[in-house]
């Protein structure tokens, strides 16, 4: 039972990642990450 839950969570996680890539969320996340990094070092 414990092994099934682990693999089920893995499949759900991968499906959410694929859905995010399909919707174009990668560019949005990258843009936010760049902004956060620039704010941390005091440039942005």
C-alpha atoms as a PDB file:
ATOM      1  CA  UNK A   1       0.000   0.000   0.000  1.00  0.00           C
ATOM      2  CA  UNK A   2       2.783   2.436   0.918  1.00  0.00           C
ATOM      3  CA  UNK A   3       4.550   1.772  -2.382  1.00  0.00           C
ATOM      4  CA  UNK A   4       1.373   2.406  -4.375  1.00  0.00           C
ATOM      5  CA  UNK A   5       0.866   5.798  -2.749  1.00  0.00           C
ATOM      6  CA  UNK A   6       4.453   6.767  -3.511  1.00  0.00           C
ATOM      7  CA  UNK A   7       4.127   5.896  -7.196  1.00  0.00           C
ATOM      8  CA  UNK A   8       0.689   7.502  -7.425  1.00  0.00           C
ATOM      9  CA  UNK A   9       2.127  10.761  -6.072  1.00  0.00           C
ATOM     10  CA  UNK A  10       4.979  10.496  -8.583  1.00  0.00           C
ATOM     11  CA  UNK A  11       2.548  10.104 -11.488  1.00  0.00           C
ATOM     12  CA  UNK A  12       0.408  13.011 -10.266  1.00  0.00           C
ATOM     13  CA  UNK A  13       3.484  15.210  -9.862  1.00  0.00           C
ATOM     14  CA  UNK A  14       4.745  14.418 -13.350  1.00  0.00           C
ATOM     15  CA  UNK A  15       1.307  15.085 -14.833  1.00  0.00           C
ATOM     16  CA  UNK A  16       1.176  18.514 -13.146  1.00  0.00           C
ATOM     17  CA  UNK A  17       4.665  19.325 -14.452  1.00  0.00           C
ATOM     18  CA  UNK A  18       3.646  18.333 -17.982  1.00  0.00           C
ATOM     19  CA  UNK A  19       0.433  20.365 -17.705  1.00  0.00           C
ATOM     20  CA  UNK A  20       2.440  23.415 -16.608  1.00  0.00           C
ATOM     21  CA  UNK A  21       4.841  23.026 -19.520  1.00  0.00           C
ATOM     22  CA  UNK A  22       1.919  22.646 -21.924  1.00  0.00           C
ATOM     23  CA  UNK A  23       0.289  25.853 -20.605  1.00  0.00           C
ATOM     24  CA  UNK A  24       3.502  27.854 -20.975  1.00  0.00           C
ATOM     25  CA  UNK A  25       4.096  28.342 -17.272  1.00  0.00           C
ATOM     26  CA  UNK A  26       7.830  27.712 -17.634  1.00  0.00           C
ATOM     27  CA  UNK A  27       8.473  31.214 -18.974  1.00  0.00           C
ATOM     28  CA  UNK A  28       6.403  32.790 -16.186  1.00  0.00           C
ATOM     29  CA  UNK A  29       8.227  30.885 -13.446  1.00  0.00           C
ATOM     30  CA  UNK A  30      11.601  31.744 -14.977  1.00  0.00           C
ATOM     31  CA  UNK A  31      10.659  35.418 -15.179  1.00  0.00           C
ATOM     32  CA  UNK A  32       9.618  35.454 -11.507  1.00  0.00           C
ATOM     33  CA  UNK A  33      12.795  33.620 -10.471  1.00  0.00           C
ATOM     34  CA  UNK A  34      14.954  36.152 -12.315  1.00  0.00           C
ATOM     35  CA  UNK A  35      13.128  39.048 -10.649  1.00  0.00           C
ATOM     36  CA  UNK A  36      13.580  37.506  -7.196  1.00  0.00           C
ATOM     37  CA  UNK A  37      17.292  36.910  -7.804  1.00  0.00           C
ATOM     38  CA  UNK A  38      17.831  40.452  -9.054  1.00  0.00           C
ATOM     39  CA  UNK A  39      16.028  41.859  -6.013  1.00  0.00           C
ATOM     40  CA  UNK A  40      18.182  39.770  -3.663  1.00  0.00           C
ATOM     41  CA  UNK A  41      21.439  41.149  -5.048  1.00  0.00           C
ATOM     42  CA  UNK A  42      20.046  44.684  -5.199  1.00  0.00           C
ATOM     43  CA  UNK A  43      19.917  45.278  -8.954  1.00  0.00           C
ATOM     44  CA  UNK A  44      16.202  44.991  -9.665  1.00  0.00           C
END
